[in-house]
């Protein structure tokens, strides 16, 4: 049974995100992702002006005249939402947790996808794959995905991005759009992420909270690592302590973003205390301009 509170959250989220999709993101999604997948259909004889990069050399050799491969735009795509539900996602210093923000943005993406007749699937993970729902079309299916994101409790305590991406790579045979929503509190995921980026259209959605990046001046406070359970006391009244903490977190953020840029991977930074509309809109428009 689903609690009335969760049903209320789902209904409010549906109304809010569908409004954004109809007014802002539906067209942006279509322009950013539609038509990027191409499927081979046939070969035909080469004519002047054809792209020589599409010449099929095997067929050309057999027939003693040049032939080119003909591709057709895929009319249907698959969006796979890979959402980190490890304990660190349940932190939030403002009106919503990181997990709630991830759910809302994933809902926007999912409703945008079905508006364009695409399929949507879901993989929830911690340090193990917690739940997988195969891609399907339709509003009822998307509402089911949202419900699962709200109600699925992690059995794992940490985050394993590499394991989740490895599972997705085995699951999806055709090139798909993959949205990886996480705070990226993990290590050693780069190899599998690069494989996924080559095989699919990977979008990294980085969910952040300002309080995790900058300590307040609040005296001696305990800091708890949600995933390891370790707790330490920190004197936040010490300006040097706050400065060192901020510097360390800034460097971590900078390194992650530079890694994405270096490897030509799409990423979006969003914060729990800020609207995601502008960063998401900017992301879509960058993709549109790229093509």
Protein backbone atom coordinates (compact mmCIF):
# COMPACT_ATOMS: atom_id res chain seq x y z
CA UNK A 1 0.00 0.00 0.00
CA UNK A 2 1.17 3.52 -0.80
CA UNK A 3 0.70 6.15 1.90
CA UNK A 4 -1.54 9.14 1.30
CA UNK A 5 1.48 11.38 1.79
CA UNK A 6 3.37 9.71 -1.06
CA UNK A 7 0.30 9.80 -3.34
CA UNK A 8 -0.05 13.51 -2.60
CA UNK A 9 3.62 14.08 -3.44
CA UNK A 10 3.28 12.19 -6.71
CA UNK A 11 0.18 14.14 -7.72
CA UNK A 12 1.79 17.51 -6.94
CA UNK A 13 4.95 16.50 -8.77
CA UNK A 14 2.94 15.37 -11.80
CA UNK A 15 1.13 18.70 -12.04
CA UNK A 16 4.28 20.76 -11.56
CA UNK A 17 6.55 18.83 -13.92
CA UNK A 18 3.95 18.36 -16.67
CA UNK A 19 3.45 22.13 -16.66
CA UNK A 20 7.19 22.62 -17.15
CA UNK A 21 7.26 20.02 -19.90
CA UNK A 22 4.35 21.62 -21.79
CA UNK A 23 5.69 25.15 -21.46
CA UNK A 24 9.48 24.76 -21.49
CA UNK A 25 11.17 21.39 -21.65
CA UNK A 26 9.09 19.28 -24.05
CA UNK A 27 10.35 21.05 -27.18
CA UNK A 28 13.86 21.45 -25.76
CA UNK A 29 14.08 17.70 -25.07
CA UNK A 30 12.93 16.85 -28.59
CA UNK A 31 15.45 19.22 -30.18
CA UNK A 32 18.30 18.07 -27.95
CA UNK A 33 17.80 14.32 -28.27
CA UNK A 34 15.48 13.56 -31.17
CA UNK A 35 17.18 12.57 -34.39
CA UNK A 36 20.55 11.81 -32.84
CA UNK A 37 20.02 8.06 -33.23
CA UNK A 38 20.38 6.72 -36.76
CA UNK A 39 19.56 3.22 -37.96
CA UNK A 40 21.02 1.48 -41.06
CA UNK A 41 18.34 0.64 -43.64
CA UNK A 42 19.96 -0.19 -47.01
CA UNK A 43 22.72 0.49 -49.51
CA UNK A 44 22.35 2.31 -52.83
CA UNK A 45 24.63 3.39 -55.64
CA UNK A 46 26.77 6.42 -55.02
CA UNK A 47 25.72 9.68 -56.67
CA UNK A 48 27.67 12.92 -56.93
CA UNK A 49 27.47 14.92 -53.69
CA UNK A 50 26.97 11.92 -51.36
CA UNK A 51 29.09 11.76 -48.22
CA UNK A 52 32.08 9.55 -49.12
CA UNK A 53 32.38 8.57 -45.45
CA UNK A 54 29.21 6.50 -45.91
CA UNK A 55 30.67 4.35 -48.72
CA UNK A 56 30.21 0.62 -48.04
CA UNK A 57 33.55 -0.71 -49.25
CA UNK A 58 32.57 -4.39 -49.11
CA UNK A 59 29.54 -3.91 -51.37
CA UNK A 60 31.54 -1.54 -53.58
CA UNK A 61 34.26 -4.17 -54.09
CA UNK A 62 31.72 -6.86 -54.99
CA UNK A 63 29.91 -4.71 -57.56
CA UNK A 64 32.81 -2.76 -59.06
CA UNK A 65 31.01 0.53 -58.49
CA UNK A 66 30.61 2.67 -55.35
CA UNK A 67 27.72 2.07 -52.98
CA UNK A 68 26.83 4.07 -49.87
CA UNK A 69 25.05 3.13 -46.67
CA UNK A 70 21.65 4.73 -46.14
CA UNK A 71 20.58 5.56 -42.59
CA UNK A 72 17.16 6.47 -41.29
CA UNK A 73 16.41 8.55 -38.24
CA UNK A 74 15.17 6.36 -35.43
CA UNK A 75 11.58 7.30 -34.70
CA UNK A 76 11.64 5.90 -31.20
CA UNK A 77 14.27 6.29 -28.53
CA UNK A 78 14.76 4.95 -25.04
CA UNK A 79 15.42 7.07 -21.96
CA UNK A 80 16.91 5.16 -19.02
CA UNK A 81 16.91 6.90 -15.64
CA UNK A 82 19.71 5.64 -13.39
CA UNK A 83 19.09 7.10 -9.96
CA UNK A 84 21.37 6.87 -6.94
CA UNK A 85 19.22 6.14 -3.87
CA UNK A 86 22.10 5.59 -1.42
CA UNK A 87 21.71 7.21 2.06
CA UNK A 88 23.66 10.38 1.19
CA UNK A 89 20.83 11.36 -1.15
CA UNK A 90 18.45 11.82 1.74
CA UNK A 91 20.40 14.86 2.98
CA UNK A 92 18.99 18.31 2.38
CA UNK A 93 19.63 21.58 4.19
CA UNK A 94 16.77 23.43 2.49
CA UNK A 95 13.18 22.69 1.49
CA UNK A 96 14.04 19.44 -0.30
CA UNK A 97 16.55 16.63 -0.11
CA UNK A 98 18.97 15.73 -2.87
CA UNK A 99 16.83 12.67 -3.58
CA UNK A 100 13.65 14.74 -3.96
CA UNK A 101 15.43 17.06 -6.39
CA UNK A 102 16.68 14.09 -8.41
CA UNK A 103 13.15 12.67 -8.58
CA UNK A 104 11.70 15.95 -9.80
CA UNK A 105 14.24 16.41 -12.59
CA UNK A 106 13.89 12.75 -13.62
CA UNK A 107 10.11 13.29 -13.76
CA UNK A 108 10.63 16.25 -16.11
CA UNK A 109 12.84 14.11 -18.35
CA UNK A 110 10.39 11.20 -18.28
CA UNK A 111 7.31 13.28 -19.15
CA UNK A 112 9.32 15.01 -21.90
CA UNK A 113 10.26 11.59 -23.29
CA UNK A 114 6.74 10.18 -23.43
CA UNK A 115 5.49 13.42 -24.99
CA UNK A 116 7.86 12.55 -27.83
CA UNK A 117 6.70 8.89 -27.92
CA UNK A 118 9.92 7.58 -26.38
CA UNK A 119 10.17 4.72 -23.92
CA UNK A 120 11.33 5.32 -20.34
CA UNK A 121 12.97 2.85 -17.95
CA UNK A 122 14.36 3.07 -14.44
CA UNK A 123 17.31 1.65 -12.53
CA UNK A 124 17.66 2.46 -8.82
CA UNK A 125 21.00 1.74 -7.19
CA UNK A 126 23.14 2.13 -4.08
CA UNK A 127 26.22 -0.08 -3.84
CA UNK A 128 24.06 -2.66 -5.62
CA UNK A 129 21.29 -2.56 -8.18
CA UNK A 130 18.16 -2.12 -6.05
CA UNK A 131 15.41 -2.18 -8.67
CA UNK A 132 15.05 -2.25 -12.45
CA UNK A 133 11.92 -1.41 -14.44
CA UNK A 134 12.22 -2.06 -18.20
CA UNK A 135 11.50 0.81 -20.62
CA UNK A 136 7.89 1.32 -21.69
CA UNK A 137 5.69 4.13 -22.97
CA UNK A 138 2.79 5.97 -21.40
CA UNK A 139 1.76 8.22 -18.54
CA UNK A 140 0.78 5.36 -16.22
CA UNK A 141 4.22 3.85 -16.64
CA UNK A 142 5.96 7.15 -15.81
CA UNK A 143 3.79 7.56 -12.70
CA UNK A 144 4.85 4.08 -11.66
CA UNK A 145 8.52 5.06 -12.05
CA UNK A 146 7.98 8.15 -9.91
CA UNK A 147 6.25 6.05 -7.26
CA UNK A 148 9.16 3.61 -7.18
CA UNK A 149 11.65 6.47 -6.78
CA UNK A 150 9.70 7.77 -3.79
CA UNK A 151 9.06 4.44 -2.09
CA UNK A 152 12.08 2.18 -2.77
CA UNK A 153 14.36 2.03 0.27
CA UNK A 154 18.01 1.18 -0.30
CA UNK A 155 19.38 -2.03 1.18
CA UNK A 156 22.95 -0.92 0.47
CA UNK A 157 24.76 1.78 2.45
CA UNK A 158 27.16 3.16 -0.14
CA UNK A 159 27.30 4.09 -3.84
CA UNK A 160 28.62 2.00 -6.73
CA UNK A 161 28.17 3.90 -9.98
CA UNK A 162 30.34 1.48 -11.96
CA UNK A 163 28.15 -1.49 -11.02
CA UNK A 164 24.97 0.37 -12.01
CA UNK A 165 26.38 1.43 -15.39
CA UNK A 166 27.72 -2.05 -16.07
CA UNK A 167 24.20 -3.42 -15.51
CA UNK A 168 22.69 -0.83 -17.87
CA UNK A 169 25.23 -1.62 -20.57
CA UNK A 170 24.21 -5.29 -20.42
CA UNK A 171 20.52 -4.44 -20.31
CA UNK A 172 20.30 -2.06 -23.28
CA UNK A 173 21.34 -3.41 -26.66
CA UNK A 174 20.57 -0.30 -28.70
CA UNK A 175 21.96 3.19 -28.19
CA UNK A 176 19.83 4.96 -25.58
CA UNK A 177 19.70 8.17 -23.59
CA UNK A 178 20.94 7.53 -20.05
CA UNK A 179 20.46 10.06 -17.27
CA UNK A 180 22.72 9.26 -14.32
CA UNK A 181 21.44 11.16 -11.27
CA UNK A 182 23.80 11.07 -8.29
CA UNK A 183 25.83 13.21 -5.90
CA UNK A 184 28.82 11.23 -7.21
CA UNK A 185 30.10 10.42 -3.72
CA UNK A 186 31.98 7.48 -5.16
CA UNK A 187 35.33 6.46 -6.63
CA UNK A 188 36.68 4.26 -9.43
CA UNK A 189 33.68 4.62 -11.73
CA UNK A 190 35.52 6.33 -14.58
CA UNK A 191 36.29 3.25 -16.69
CA UNK A 192 32.71 2.02 -16.78
CA UNK A 193 31.42 5.55 -17.30
CA UNK A 194 33.62 5.99 -20.38
CA UNK A 195 32.33 2.70 -21.79
CA UNK A 196 28.74 3.86 -21.22
CA UNK A 197 29.44 7.25 -22.81
CA UNK A 198 30.77 5.57 -25.97
CA UNK A 199 27.88 3.15 -26.21
CA UNK A 200 25.03 5.47 -25.20
CA UNK A 201 24.07 9.13 -24.91
CA UNK A 202 25.07 9.69 -21.28
CA UNK A 203 23.94 12.72 -19.26
CA UNK A 204 25.45 13.12 -15.78
CA UNK A 205 23.08 14.90 -13.40
CA UNK A 206 25.07 16.06 -10.36
CA UNK A 207 22.84 16.66 -7.31
CA UNK A 208 24.43 19.01 -4.77
CA UNK A 209 23.64 20.79 -1.49
CA UNK A 210 25.37 24.03 -0.51
CA UNK A 211 25.80 22.99 3.13
CA UNK A 212 27.96 20.07 2.00
CA UNK A 213 30.31 22.54 0.31
CA UNK A 214 30.54 25.27 2.93
CA UNK A 215 30.29 24.86 6.71
CA UNK A 216 28.30 27.38 8.76
CA UNK A 217 29.78 29.09 11.85
CA UNK A 218 27.90 26.95 14.36
CA UNK A 219 30.51 25.97 16.97
CA UNK A 220 31.43 22.34 17.59
CA UNK A 221 29.15 20.10 15.55
CA UNK A 222 29.13 16.38 14.70
CA UNK A 223 29.46 15.50 11.02
CA UNK A 224 28.01 12.16 10.01
CA UNK A 225 28.90 10.32 6.83
CA UNK A 226 25.50 8.98 5.76
CA UNK A 227 27.01 6.07 3.85
CA UNK A 228 29.79 4.90 6.17
CA UNK A 229 28.15 5.88 9.46
CA UNK A 230 31.39 7.49 10.64
CA UNK A 231 31.02 10.57 12.83
CA UNK A 232 33.56 13.25 13.70
CA UNK A 233 33.40 16.49 15.70
CA UNK A 234 34.37 19.69 13.92
CA UNK A 235 34.81 23.16 15.42
CA UNK A 236 33.09 25.27 12.78
CA UNK A 237 33.80 28.47 14.73
CA UNK A 238 37.42 28.12 13.60
CA UNK A 239 37.72 30.16 10.42
CA UNK A 240 40.67 28.09 9.23
CA UNK A 241 38.67 24.86 9.57
CA UNK A 242 35.83 26.34 7.51
CA UNK A 243 38.25 27.63 4.91
CA UNK A 244 40.07 24.30 4.54
CA UNK A 245 36.79 22.41 4.28
CA UNK A 246 35.48 24.79 1.60
CA UNK A 247 38.75 24.53 -0.34
CA UNK A 248 38.68 20.74 -0.25
CA UNK A 249 35.07 20.56 -1.43
CA UNK A 250 35.68 23.15 -4.17
CA UNK A 251 38.65 21.15 -5.45
CA UNK A 252 36.57 17.97 -5.49
CA UNK A 253 33.84 19.69 -7.52
CA UNK A 254 36.39 21.23 -9.89
CA UNK A 255 38.10 17.87 -10.50
CA UNK A 256 34.81 16.13 -11.30
CA UNK A 257 33.68 18.83 -13.72
CA UNK A 258 37.08 18.92 -15.43
CA UNK A 259 36.93 15.14 -15.84
CA UNK A 260 33.57 15.44 -17.63
CA UNK A 261 34.85 18.21 -19.90
CA UNK A 262 38.07 16.34 -20.74
CA UNK A 263 36.13 13.23 -21.69
CA UNK A 264 33.45 15.18 -23.58
CA UNK A 265 30.63 13.99 -21.33
CA UNK A 266 27.45 15.99 -20.77
CA UNK A 267 26.81 17.07 -17.20
CA UNK A 268 24.40 19.33 -15.32
CA UNK A 269 25.05 20.80 -11.86
CA UNK A 270 21.93 21.40 -9.74
CA UNK A 271 21.47 22.47 -6.11
CA UNK A 272 18.71 21.75 -3.61
CA UNK A 273 18.26 25.45 -2.77
CA UNK A 274 18.19 26.72 -6.37
CA UNK A 275 15.84 26.35 -9.32
CA UNK A 276 16.95 23.70 -11.78
CA UNK A 277 15.12 25.34 -14.68
CA UNK A 278 18.01 27.53 -15.83
CA UNK A 279 20.79 24.88 -15.65
CA UNK A 280 18.57 22.33 -17.38
CA UNK A 281 17.52 24.81 -20.07
CA UNK A 282 21.15 25.83 -20.63
CA UNK A 283 22.10 22.16 -20.98
CA UNK A 284 19.42 21.52 -23.61
CA UNK A 285 20.38 24.62 -25.60
CA UNK A 286 24.08 23.72 -25.56
CA UNK A 287 23.22 20.34 -27.05
CA UNK A 288 20.98 21.92 -29.68
CA UNK A 289 23.71 24.37 -30.68
CA UNK A 290 26.25 21.54 -30.81
CA UNK A 291 24.24 19.81 -33.51
